[in-house]
PDB file of N, CA and C in Angstrom:
ATOM      1  N   MET A   1       0.842  -1.182   0.000  1.00  0.00           N
ATOM      2  CA  MET A   1       0.000   0.000   0.000  1.00  0.00           C
ATOM      3  C   MET A   1       0.885   1.242   0.000  1.00  0.00           C
ATOM      4  N   THR A   2       0.544   2.209  -0.814  1.00  0.00           N
ATOM      5  CA  THR A   2       1.330   3.425  -0.855  1.00  0.00           C
ATOM      6  C   THR A   2       0.854   4.388   0.212  1.00  0.00           C
ATOM      7  N   GLN A   3       1.796   5.122   0.784  1.00  0.00           N
ATOM      8  CA  GLN A   3       1.434   6.098   1.796  1.00  0.00           C
ATOM      9  C   GLN A   3       1.114   7.422   1.134  1.00  0.00           C
ATOM     10  N   LYS A   4       0.182   8.126   1.711  1.00  0.00           N
ATOM     11  CA  LYS A   4      -0.205   9.432   1.207  1.00  0.00           C
ATOM     12  C   LYS A   4       0.650  10.490   1.885  1.00  0.00           C
ATOM     13  N   SER A   5       1.077  11.474   1.116  1.00  0.00           N
ATOM     14  CA  SER A   5       1.885  12.536   1.691  1.00  0.00           C
ATOM     15  C   SER A   5       1.006  13.681   2.154  1.00  0.00           C
ATOM     16  N   GLY A   6       1.495  14.457   3.103  1.00  0.00           N
ATOM     17  CA  GLY A   6       0.776  15.637   3.588  1.00  0.00           C
ATOM     18  C   GLY A   6      -0.576  15.287   4.147  1.00  0.00           C
ATOM     19  N   SER A   7      -1.592  16.094   3.771  1.00  0.00           N
ATOM     20  CA  SER A   7      -2.939  15.883   4.299  1.00  0.00           C
ATOM     21  C   SER A   7      -3.788  14.995   3.403  1.00  0.00           C
ATOM     22  N   GLU A   8      -3.242  14.496   2.312  1.00  0.00           N
ATOM     23  CA  GLU A   8      -3.997  13.649   1.382  1.00  0.00           C
ATOM     24  C   GLU A   8      -4.329  12.311   2.039  1.00  0.00           C
ATOM     25  N   GLN A   9      -5.626  12.028   2.185  1.00  0.00           N
ATOM     26  CA  GLN A   9      -6.088  10.799   2.829  1.00  0.00           C
ATOM     27  C   GLN A   9      -6.901   9.921   1.886  1.00  0.00           C
ATOM     28  N   ARG A  10      -7.087  10.319   0.659  1.00  0.00           N
ATOM     29  CA  ARG A  10      -7.933   9.574  -0.272  1.00  0.00           C
ATOM     30  C   ARG A  10      -7.243   8.315  -0.758  1.00  0.00           C
ATOM     31  N   ARG A  11      -8.024   7.253  -0.893  1.00  0.00           N
ATOM     32  CA  ARG A  11      -7.519   5.973  -1.397  1.00  0.00           C
ATOM     33  C   ARG A  11      -7.544   5.907  -2.910  1.00  0.00           C
ATOM     34  N   HIS A  12      -8.429   6.698  -3.524  1.00  0.00           N
ATOM     35  CA  HIS A  12      -8.625   6.659  -4.970  1.00  0.00           C
ATOM     36  C   HIS A  12      -8.395   8.058  -5.552  1.00  0.00           C
ATOM     37  N   PRO A  13      -7.762   8.135  -6.711  1.00  0.00           N
ATOM     38  CA  PRO A  13      -7.601   9.449  -7.352  1.00  0.00           C
ATOM     39  C   PRO A  13      -8.954  10.002  -7.776  1.00  0.00           C
ATOM     40  N   ARG A  14      -9.101  11.318  -7.699  1.00  0.00           N
ATOM     41  CA  ARG A  14     -10.360  11.955  -8.083  1.00  0.00           C
ATOM     42  C   ARG A  14     -10.223  12.636  -9.427  1.00  0.00           C
ATOM     43  N   THR A  15     -11.332  12.685 -10.143  1.00  0.00           N
ATOM     44  CA  THR A  15     -11.399  13.294 -11.461  1.00  0.00           C
ATOM     45  C   THR A  15     -12.403  14.445 -11.424  1.00  0.00           C
ATOM     46  N   ALA A  16     -12.046  15.571 -12.031  1.00  0.00           N
ATOM     47  CA  ALA A  16     -12.951  16.721 -12.084  1.00  0.00           C
ATOM     48  C   ALA A  16     -14.165  16.373 -12.943  1.00  0.00           C
ATOM     49  N   VAL A  17     -15.343  16.761 -12.462  1.00  0.00           N
ATOM     50  CA  VAL A  17     -16.609  16.475 -13.142  1.00  0.00           C
ATOM     51  C   VAL A  17     -17.499  17.705 -12.981  1.00  0.00           C
ATOM     52  N   GLY A  18     -18.458  17.875 -13.874  1.00  0.00           N
ATOM     53  CA  GLY A  18     -19.397  18.987 -13.753  1.00  0.00           C
ATOM     54  C   GLY A  18     -20.838  18.561 -13.914  1.00  0.00           C
ATOM     55  N   ALA A  19     -21.164  17.290 -13.648  1.00  0.00           N
ATOM     56  CA  ALA A  19     -22.516  16.756 -13.830  1.00  0.00           C
ATOM     57  C   ALA A  19     -23.424  17.124 -12.662  1.00  0.00           C
ATOM     58  N   THR A  20     -24.703  17.308 -12.952  1.00  0.00           N
ATOM     59  CA  THR A  20     -25.685  17.557 -11.894  1.00  0.00           C
ATOM     60  C   THR A  20     -26.441  16.270 -11.586  1.00  0.00           C
ATOM     61  N   PHE A  21     -26.996  16.192 -10.379  1.00  0.00           N
ATOM     62  CA  PHE A  21     -27.720  15.006  -9.945  1.00  0.00           C
ATOM     63  C   PHE A  21     -28.720  15.376  -8.865  1.00  0.00           C
ATOM     64  N   ASP A  22     -29.607  14.431  -8.535  1.00  0.00           N
ATOM     65  CA  ASP A  22     -30.609  14.620  -7.486  1.00  0.00           C
ATOM     66  C   ASP A  22     -30.138  13.977  -6.198  1.00  0.00           C
ATOM     67  N   ILE A  23     -30.449  14.625  -5.077  1.00  0.00           N
ATOM     68  CA  ILE A  23     -30.168  14.085  -3.746  1.00  0.00           C
ATOM     69  C   ILE A  23     -31.504  13.881  -3.054  1.00  0.00           C
ATOM     70  N   SER A  24     -31.700  12.709  -2.440  1.00  0.00           N
ATOM     71  CA  SER A  24     -32.869  12.461  -1.605  1.00  0.00           C
ATOM     72  C   SER A  24     -32.378  12.238  -0.189  1.00  0.00           C
ATOM     73  N   MET A  25     -33.054  12.862   0.751  1.00  0.00           N
ATOM     74  CA  MET A  25     -32.679  12.725   2.147  1.00  0.00           C
ATOM     75  C   MET A  25     -33.798  12.024   2.900  1.00  0.00           C
ATOM     76  N   ALA A  26     -33.433  11.060   3.716  1.00  0.00           N
ATOM     77  CA  ALA A  26     -34.417  10.328   4.511  1.00  0.00           C
ATOM     78  C   ALA A  26     -34.937  11.233   5.616  1.00  0.00           C
ATOM     79  N   GLY A  27     -36.065  10.864   6.164  1.00  0.00           N
ATOM     80  CA  GLY A  27     -36.610  11.616   7.287  1.00  0.00           C
ATOM     81  C   GLY A  27     -38.032  12.040   7.016  1.00  0.00           C
ATOM     82  N   PRO A  28     -38.640  12.703   7.994  1.00  0.00           N
ATOM     83  CA  PRO A  28     -40.045  13.086   7.884  1.00  0.00           C
ATOM     84  C   PRO A  28     -40.329  14.005   6.699  1.00  0.00           C
ATOM     85  N   SER A  29     -39.373  14.871   6.341  1.00  0.00           N
ATOM     86  CA  SER A  29     -39.630  15.807   5.250  1.00  0.00           C
ATOM     87  C   SER A  29     -39.342  15.199   3.885  1.00  0.00           C
ATOM     88  N   ALA A  30     -38.542  14.136   3.823  1.00  0.00           N
ATOM     89  CA  ALA A  30     -38.172  13.463   2.563  1.00  0.00           C
ATOM     90  C   ALA A  30     -37.785  14.478   1.499  1.00  0.00           C
ATOM     91  N   ALA A  31     -36.879  15.378   1.852  1.00  0.00           N
ATOM     92  CA  ALA A  31     -36.472  16.475   0.973  1.00  0.00           C
ATOM     93  C   ALA A  31     -35.665  15.980  -0.221  1.00  0.00           C
ATOM     94  N   LYS A  32     -35.763  16.732  -1.311  1.00  0.00           N
ATOM     95  CA  LYS A  32     -34.976  16.478  -2.511  1.00  0.00           C
ATOM     96  C   LYS A  32     -34.332  17.790  -2.927  1.00  0.00           C
ATOM     97  N   CYS A  33     -33.147  17.700  -3.530  1.00  0.00           N
ATOM     98  CA  CYS A  33     -32.509  18.893  -4.061  1.00  0.00           C
ATOM     99  C   CYS A  33     -31.572  18.506  -5.197  1.00  0.00           C
ATOM    100  N   ARG A  34     -31.057  19.507  -5.897  1.00  0.00           N
ATOM    101  CA  ARG A  34     -30.109  19.296  -6.990  1.00  0.00           C
ATOM    102  C   ARG A  34     -28.721  19.696  -6.510  1.00  0.00           C
ATOM    103  N   ALA A  35     -27.707  19.052  -7.101  1.00  0.00           N
ATOM    104  CA  ALA A  35     -26.320  19.347  -6.749  1.00  0.00           C
ATOM    105  C   ALA A  35     -25.448  19.167  -7.986  1.00  0.00           C
ATOM    106  N   THR A  36     -24.235  19.712  -7.928  1.00  0.00           N
ATOM    107  CA  THR A  36     -23.266  19.573  -9.012  1.00  0.00           C
ATOM    108  C   THR A  36     -22.004  18.916  -8.471  1.00  0.00           C
ATOM    109  N   ILE A  37     -21.589  17.837  -9.123  1.00  0.00           N
ATOM    110  CA  ILE A  37     -20.374  17.119  -8.713  1.00  0.00           C
ATOM    111  C   ILE A  37     -19.163  17.970  -9.076  1.00  0.00           C
ATOM    112  N   THR A  38     -18.260  18.139  -8.109  1.00  0.00           N
ATOM    113  CA  THR A  38     -17.010  18.864  -8.329  1.00  0.00           C
ATOM    114  C   THR A  38     -15.923  17.894  -8.750  1.00  0.00           C
ATOM    115  N   ASP A  39     -15.766  16.809  -7.978  1.00  0.00           N
ATOM    116  CA  ASP A  39     -14.827  15.748  -8.344  1.00  0.00           C
ATOM    117  C   ASP A  39     -15.366  14.408  -7.869  1.00  0.00           C
ATOM    118  N   LEU A  40     -14.867  13.326  -8.506  1.00  0.00           N
ATOM    119  CA  LEU A  40     -15.438  11.995  -8.316  1.00  0.00           C
ATOM    120  C   LEU A  40     -14.340  10.945  -8.342  1.00  0.00           C
ATOM    121  N   SER A  41     -14.484   9.925  -7.484  1.00  0.00           N
ATOM    122  CA  SER A  41     -13.571   8.781  -7.496  1.00  0.00           C
ATOM    123  C   SER A  41     -14.373   7.518  -7.251  1.00  0.00           C
ATOM    124  N   ALA A  42     -13.711   6.383  -7.222  1.00  0.00           N
ATOM    125  CA  ALA A  42     -14.381   5.111  -6.951  1.00  0.00           C
ATOM    126  C   ALA A  42     -14.939   5.060  -5.535  1.00  0.00           C
ATOM    127  N   GLY A  43     -14.378   5.818  -4.620  1.00  0.00           N
ATOM    128  CA  GLY A  43     -14.800   5.740  -3.223  1.00  0.00           C
ATOM    129  C   GLY A  43     -15.610   6.903  -2.704  1.00  0.00           C
ATOM    130  N   GLY A  44     -15.716   7.987  -3.480  1.00  0.00           N
ATOM    131  CA  GLY A  44     -16.451   9.139  -2.997  1.00  0.00           C
ATOM    132  C   GLY A  44     -16.429  10.293  -3.965  1.00  0.00           C
ATOM    133  N   MET A  45     -16.926  11.448  -3.506  1.00  0.00           N
ATOM    134  CA  MET A  45     -16.965  12.628  -4.351  1.00  0.00           C
ATOM    135  C   MET A  45     -17.121  13.878  -3.511  1.00  0.00           C
ATOM    136  N   THR A  46     -16.909  15.001  -4.169  1.00  0.00           N
ATOM    137  CA  THR A  46     -17.208  16.304  -3.601  1.00  0.00           C
ATOM    138  C   THR A  46     -18.255  16.933  -4.508  1.00  0.00           C
ATOM    139  N   PHE A  47     -19.264  17.560  -3.909  1.00  0.00           N
ATOM    140  CA  PHE A  47     -20.282  18.236  -4.708  1.00  0.00           C
ATOM    141  C   PHE A  47     -20.668  19.528  -4.021  1.00  0.00           C
ATOM    142  N   LYS A  48     -21.338  20.395  -4.786  1.00  0.00           N
ATOM    143  CA  LYS A  48     -21.828  21.647  -4.209  1.00  0.00           C
ATOM    144  C   LYS A  48     -23.327  21.771  -4.441  1.00  0.00           C
ATOM    145  N   THR A  49     -23.991  22.356  -3.457  1.00  0.00           N
ATOM    146  CA  THR A  49     -25.442  22.536  -3.505  1.00  0.00           C
ATOM    147  C   THR A  49     -25.823  23.653  -2.548  1.00  0.00           C
ATOM    148  N   ASP A  50     -27.022  24.199  -2.701  1.00  0.00           N
ATOM    149  CA  ASP A  50     -27.501  25.203  -1.758  1.00  0.00           C
ATOM    150  C   ASP A  50     -28.238  24.559  -0.580  1.00  0.00           C
ATOM    151  N   ALA A  51     -28.391  23.233  -0.609  1.00  0.00           N
ATOM    152  CA  ALA A  51     -29.035  22.517   0.504  1.00  0.00           C
ATOM    153  C   ALA A  51     -28.124  22.532   1.728  1.00  0.00           C
ATOM    154  N   GLU A  52     -28.716  22.533   2.909  1.00  0.00           N
ATOM    155  CA  GLU A  52     -27.937  22.471   4.139  1.00  0.00           C
ATOM    156  C   GLU A  52     -27.936  21.032   4.637  1.00  0.00           C
ATOM    157  N   LEU A  53     -26.779  20.385   4.534  1.00  0.00           N
ATOM    158  CA  LEU A  53     -26.603  18.995   4.952  1.00  0.00           C
ATOM    159  C   LEU A  53     -25.692  18.964   6.165  1.00  0.00           C
ATOM    160  N   GLU A  54     -25.753  17.882   6.918  1.00  0.00           N
ATOM    161  CA  GLU A  54     -24.926  17.746   8.122  1.00  0.00           C
ATOM    162  C   GLU A  54     -23.963  16.584   7.976  1.00  0.00           C
ATOM    163  N   LYS A  55     -22.808  16.753   8.588  1.00  0.00           N
ATOM    164  CA  LYS A  55     -21.815  15.680   8.620  1.00  0.00           C
ATOM    165  C   LYS A  55     -22.448  14.447   9.264  1.00  0.00           C
ATOM    166  N   GLY A  56     -22.240  13.284   8.648  1.00  0.00           N
ATOM    167  CA  GLY A  56     -22.802  12.041   9.162  1.00  0.00           C
ATOM    168  C   GLY A  56     -24.124  11.635   8.522  1.00  0.00           C
ATOM    169  N   MET A  57     -24.757  12.552   7.783  1.00  0.00           N
ATOM    170  CA  MET A  57     -26.035  12.231   7.126  1.00  0.00           C
ATOM    171  C   MET A  57     -25.836  11.156   6.073  1.00  0.00           C
ATOM    172  N   THR A  58     -26.847  10.292   5.915  1.00  0.00           N
ATOM    173  CA  THR A  58     -26.869   9.338   4.814  1.00  0.00           C
ATOM    174  C   THR A  58     -27.670   9.960   3.683  1.00  0.00           C
ATOM    175  N   LEU A  59     -27.092   9.910   2.479  1.00  0.00           N
ATOM    176  CA  LEU A  59     -27.749  10.473   1.298  1.00  0.00           C
ATOM    177  C   LEU A  59     -27.995   9.381   0.271  1.00  0.00           C
ATOM    178  N   HIS A  60     -29.035   9.564  -0.521  1.00  0.00           N
ATOM    179  CA  HIS A  60     -29.315   8.688  -1.660  1.00  0.00           C
ATOM    180  C   HIS A  60     -29.209   9.568  -2.891  1.00  0.00           C
ATOM    181  N   LEU A  61     -28.220   9.269  -3.727  1.00  0.00           N
ATOM    182  CA  LEU A  61     -27.910  10.091  -4.889  1.00  0.00           C
ATOM    183  C   LEU A  61     -28.273   9.351  -6.161  1.00  0.00           C
ATOM    184  N   ARG A  62     -28.707  10.084  -7.175  1.00  0.00           N
ATOM    185  CA  ARG A  62     -29.063   9.463  -8.439  1.00  0.00           C
ATOM    186  C   ARG A  62     -28.440  10.274  -9.573  1.00  0.00           C
ATOM    187  N   VAL A  63     -27.665   9.574 -10.408  1.00  0.00           N
ATOM    188  CA  VAL A  63     -27.111  10.152 -11.630  1.00  0.00           C
ATOM    189  C   VAL A  63     -27.502   9.197 -12.751  1.00  0.00           C
ATOM    190  N   ALA A  64     -28.391   9.634 -13.640  1.00  0.00           N
ATOM    191  CA  ALA A  64     -28.931   8.779 -14.701  1.00  0.00           C
ATOM    192  C   ALA A  64     -29.530   7.522 -14.054  1.00  0.00           C
ATOM    193  N   ASP A  65     -29.089   6.310 -14.447  1.00  0.00           N
ATOM    194  CA  ASP A  65     -29.619   5.060 -13.881  1.00  0.00           C
ATOM    195  C   ASP A  65     -28.759   4.515 -12.749  1.00  0.00           C
ATOM    196  N   ILE A  66     -27.865   5.330 -12.226  1.00  0.00           N
ATOM    197  CA  ILE A  66     -26.981   4.890 -11.141  1.00  0.00           C
ATOM    198  C   ILE A  66     -27.488   5.456  -9.821  1.00  0.00           C
ATOM    199  N   HIS A  67     -27.643   4.575  -8.851  1.00  0.00           N
ATOM    200  CA  HIS A  67     -28.081   4.974  -7.508  1.00  0.00           C
ATOM    201  C   HIS A  67     -26.925   4.764  -6.540  1.00  0.00           C
ATOM    202  N   VAL A  68     -26.668   5.763  -5.699  1.00  0.00           N
ATOM    203  CA  VAL A  68     -25.553   5.703  -4.752  1.00  0.00           C
ATOM    204  C   VAL A  68     -26.075   6.034  -3.362  1.00  0.00           C
ATOM    205  N   ARG A  69     -25.674   5.229  -2.377  1.00  0.00           N
ATOM    206  CA  ARG A  69     -25.914   5.572  -0.978  1.00  0.00           C
ATOM    207  C   ARG A  69     -24.571   5.979  -0.405  1.00  0.00           C
ATOM    208  N   GLY A  70     -24.519   7.137   0.250  1.00  0.00           N
ATOM    209  CA  GLY A  70     -23.260   7.616   0.798  1.00  0.00           C
ATOM    210  C   GLY A  70     -23.462   8.385   2.081  1.00  0.00           C
ATOM    211  N   GLU A  71     -22.346   8.728   2.700  1.00  0.00           N
ATOM    212  CA  GLU A  71     -22.358   9.453   3.967  1.00  0.00           C
ATOM    213  C   GLU A  71     -21.593  10.757   3.811  1.00  0.00           C
ATOM    214  N   VAL A  72     -22.179  11.846   4.300  1.00  0.00           N
ATOM    215  CA  VAL A  72     -21.488  13.135   4.297  1.00  0.00           C
ATOM    216  C   VAL A  72     -20.335  13.050   5.291  1.00  0.00           C
ATOM    217  N   ARG A  73     -19.111  13.235   4.797  1.00  0.00           N
ATOM    218  CA  ARG A  73     -17.913  13.139   5.635  1.00  0.00           C
ATOM    219  C   ARG A  73     -17.291  14.500   5.934  1.00  0.00           C
ATOM    220  N   SER A  74     -17.558  15.497   5.075  1.00  0.00           N
ATOM    221  CA  SER A  74     -17.015  16.835   5.336  1.00  0.00           C
ATOM    222  C   SER A  74     -17.956  17.895   4.795  1.00  0.00           C
ATOM    223  N   VAL A  75     -17.965  19.030   5.469  1.00  0.00           N
ATOM    224  CA  VAL A  75     -18.767  20.178   5.065  1.00  0.00           C
ATOM    225  C   VAL A  75     -17.813  21.352   4.954  1.00  0.00           C
ATOM    226  N   LEU A  76     -17.749  21.954   3.761  1.00  0.00           N
ATOM    227  CA  LEU A  76     -16.848  23.065   3.516  1.00  0.00           C
ATOM    228  C   LEU A  76     -17.647  24.346   3.372  1.00  0.00           C
ATOM    229  N   GLY A  77     -17.065  25.469   3.728  1.00  0.00           N
ATOM    230  CA  GLY A  77     -17.740  26.758   3.764  1.00  0.00           C
ATOM    231  C   GLY A  77     -18.509  27.136   2.521  1.00  0.00           C
ATOM    232  N   ALA A  78     -19.462  28.016   2.724  1.00  0.00           N
ATOM    233  CA  ALA A  78     -20.311  28.481   1.636  1.00  0.00           C
ATOM    234  C   ALA A  78     -19.559  29.456   0.741  1.00  0.00           C
ATOM    235  N   ALA A  79     -19.796  29.345  -0.559  1.00  0.00           N
ATOM    236  CA  ALA A  79     -19.246  30.276  -1.545  1.00  0.00           C
ATOM    237  C   ALA A  79     -20.309  30.489  -2.612  1.00  0.00           C
ATOM    238  N   GLY A  80     -20.720  31.701  -2.808  1.00  0.00           N
ATOM    239  CA  GLY A  80     -21.741  31.983  -3.814  1.00  0.00           C
ATOM    240  C   GLY A  80     -23.080  31.359  -3.482  1.00  0.00           C
ATOM    241  N   GLY A  81     -23.404  31.237  -2.195  1.00  0.00           N
ATOM    242  CA  GLY A  81     -24.675  30.658  -1.779  1.00  0.00           C
ATOM    243  C   GLY A  81     -24.701  29.136  -1.756  1.00  0.00           C
ATOM    244  N   GLN A  82     -23.576  28.494  -2.091  1.00  0.00           N
ATOM    245  CA  GLN A  82     -23.529  27.036  -2.084  1.00  0.00           C
ATOM    246  C   GLN A  82     -22.422  26.537  -1.161  1.00  0.00           C
ATOM    247  N   ARG A  83     -22.667  25.374  -0.549  1.00  0.00           N
ATOM    248  CA  ARG A  83     -21.660  24.714   0.270  1.00  0.00           C
ATOM    249  C   ARG A  83     -21.088  23.542  -0.508  1.00  0.00           C
ATOM    250  N   ARG A  84     -19.874  23.148  -0.129  1.00  0.00           N
ATOM    251  CA  ARG A  84     -19.260  21.955  -0.726  1.00  0.00           C
ATOM    252  C   ARG A  84     -19.279  20.841   0.313  1.00  0.00           C
ATOM    253  N   TYR A  85     -19.608  19.632  -0.140  1.00  0.00           N
ATOM    254  CA  TYR A  85     -19.705  18.471   0.739  1.00  0.00           C
ATOM    255  C   TYR A  85     -18.847  17.343   0.188  1.00  0.00           C
ATOM    256  N   GLY A  86     -18.180  16.647   1.088  1.00  0.00           N
ATOM    257  CA  GLY A  86     -17.446  15.442   0.732  1.00  0.00           C
ATOM    258  C   GLY A  86     -18.260  14.236   1.158  1.00  0.00           C
ATOM    259  N   VAL A  87     -18.419  13.268   0.262  1.00  0.00           N
ATOM    260  CA  VAL A  87     -19.239  12.085   0.534  1.00  0.00           C
ATOM    261  C   VAL A  87     -18.426  10.827   0.292  1.00  0.00           C
ATOM    262  N   ARG A  88     -18.534   9.880   1.222  1.00  0.00           N
ATOM    263  CA  ARG A  88     -17.942   8.549   1.039  1.00  0.00           C
ATOM    264  C   ARG A  88     -19.054   7.620   0.591  1.00  0.00           C
ATOM    265  N   PHE A  89     -18.797   6.872  -0.485  1.00  0.00           N
ATOM    266  CA  PHE A  89     -19.790   5.937  -0.996  1.00  0.00           C
ATOM    267  C   PHE A  89     -19.843   4.692  -0.127  1.00  0.00           C
ATOM    268  N   HIS A  90     -21.085   4.212   0.130  1.00  0.00           N
ATOM    269  CA  HIS A  90     -21.294   2.950   0.842  1.00  0.00           C
ATOM    270  C   HIS A  90     -21.842   1.882  -0.092  1.00  0.00           C
ATOM    271  N   LYS A  91     -22.678   2.304  -1.048  1.00  0.00           N
ATOM    272  CA  LYS A  91     -23.258   1.341  -1.992  1.00  0.00           C
ATOM    273  C   LYS A  91     -23.518   2.047  -3.319  1.00  0.00           C
ATOM    274  N   VAL A  92     -23.099   1.420  -4.420  1.00  0.00           N
ATOM    275  CA  VAL A  92     -23.314   1.945  -5.757  1.00  0.00           C
ATOM    276  C   VAL A  92     -23.951   0.847  -6.599  1.00  0.00           C
ATOM    277  N   GLY A  93     -25.026   1.167  -7.316  1.00  0.00           N
ATOM    278  CA  GLY A  93     -25.669   0.152  -8.151  1.00  0.00           C
ATOM    279  C   GLY A  93     -26.566   0.767  -9.197  1.00  0.00           C
ATOM    280  N   LEU A  94     -27.009  -0.068 -10.127  1.00  0.00           N
ATOM    281  CA  LEU A  94     -27.956   0.366 -11.147  1.00  0.00           C
ATOM    282  C   LEU A  94     -29.362   0.373 -10.579  1.00  0.00           C
ATOM    283  N   ASP A  95     -30.155   1.326 -11.013  1.00  0.00           N
ATOM    284  CA  ASP A  95     -31.555   1.405 -10.614  1.00  0.00           C
ATOM    285  C   ASP A  95     -32.338   0.440 -11.489  1.00  0.00           C
ATOM    286  N   SER A  96     -32.598  -0.766 -10.985  1.00  0.00           N
ATOM    287  CA  SER A  96     -33.250  -1.818 -11.777  1.00  0.00           C
ATOM    288  C   SER A  96     -34.668  -1.455 -12.194  1.00  0.00           C
ATOM    289  N   SER A  97     -35.317  -0.542 -11.490  1.00  0.00           N
ATOM    290  CA  SER A  97     -36.685  -0.155 -11.864  1.00  0.00           C
ATOM    291  C   SER A  97     -36.690   0.662 -13.147  1.00  0.00           C
ATOM    292  N   ARG A  98     -35.536   1.186 -13.561  1.00  0.00           N
ATOM    293  CA  ARG A  98     -35.477   2.010 -14.762  1.00  0.00           C
ATOM    294  C   ARG A  98     -34.843   1.285 -15.942  1.00  0.00           C
ATOM    295  N   ILE A  99     -34.469   0.028 -15.764  1.00  0.00           N
ATOM    296  CA  ILE A  99     -33.863  -0.742 -16.852  1.00  0.00           C
ATOM    297  C   ILE A  99     -34.959  -1.445 -17.640  1.00  0.00           C
ATOM    298  N   ASN A 100     -34.940  -1.312 -18.957  1.00  0.00           N
ATOM    299  CA  ASN A 100     -35.973  -1.944 -19.796  1.00  0.00           C
ATOM    300  C   ASN A 100     -35.685  -3.392 -20.040  1.00  0.00           C
TER     301      ASN A 100
END
């Protein structure tokens, strides 16, 4: 296993992305919002949105026919009315209800 230098703790390299997706949050309000992916890897991503999320929240993300369950691991300051969030993926799969 290679060691990471400095503050780099990621296991997978990230790639810059600019795709938008839907976020669904569990709970009584069952809120939905839109977000834009900043960077993406096999294990997680960073995205920005105007939604207020909390560290530790479980999110259900959808990009096309791909469904992802992940956990908010970091919350970064607001810029231009949007916050940046780091998410670790727990489960990634195809949405079988949308496959013909």
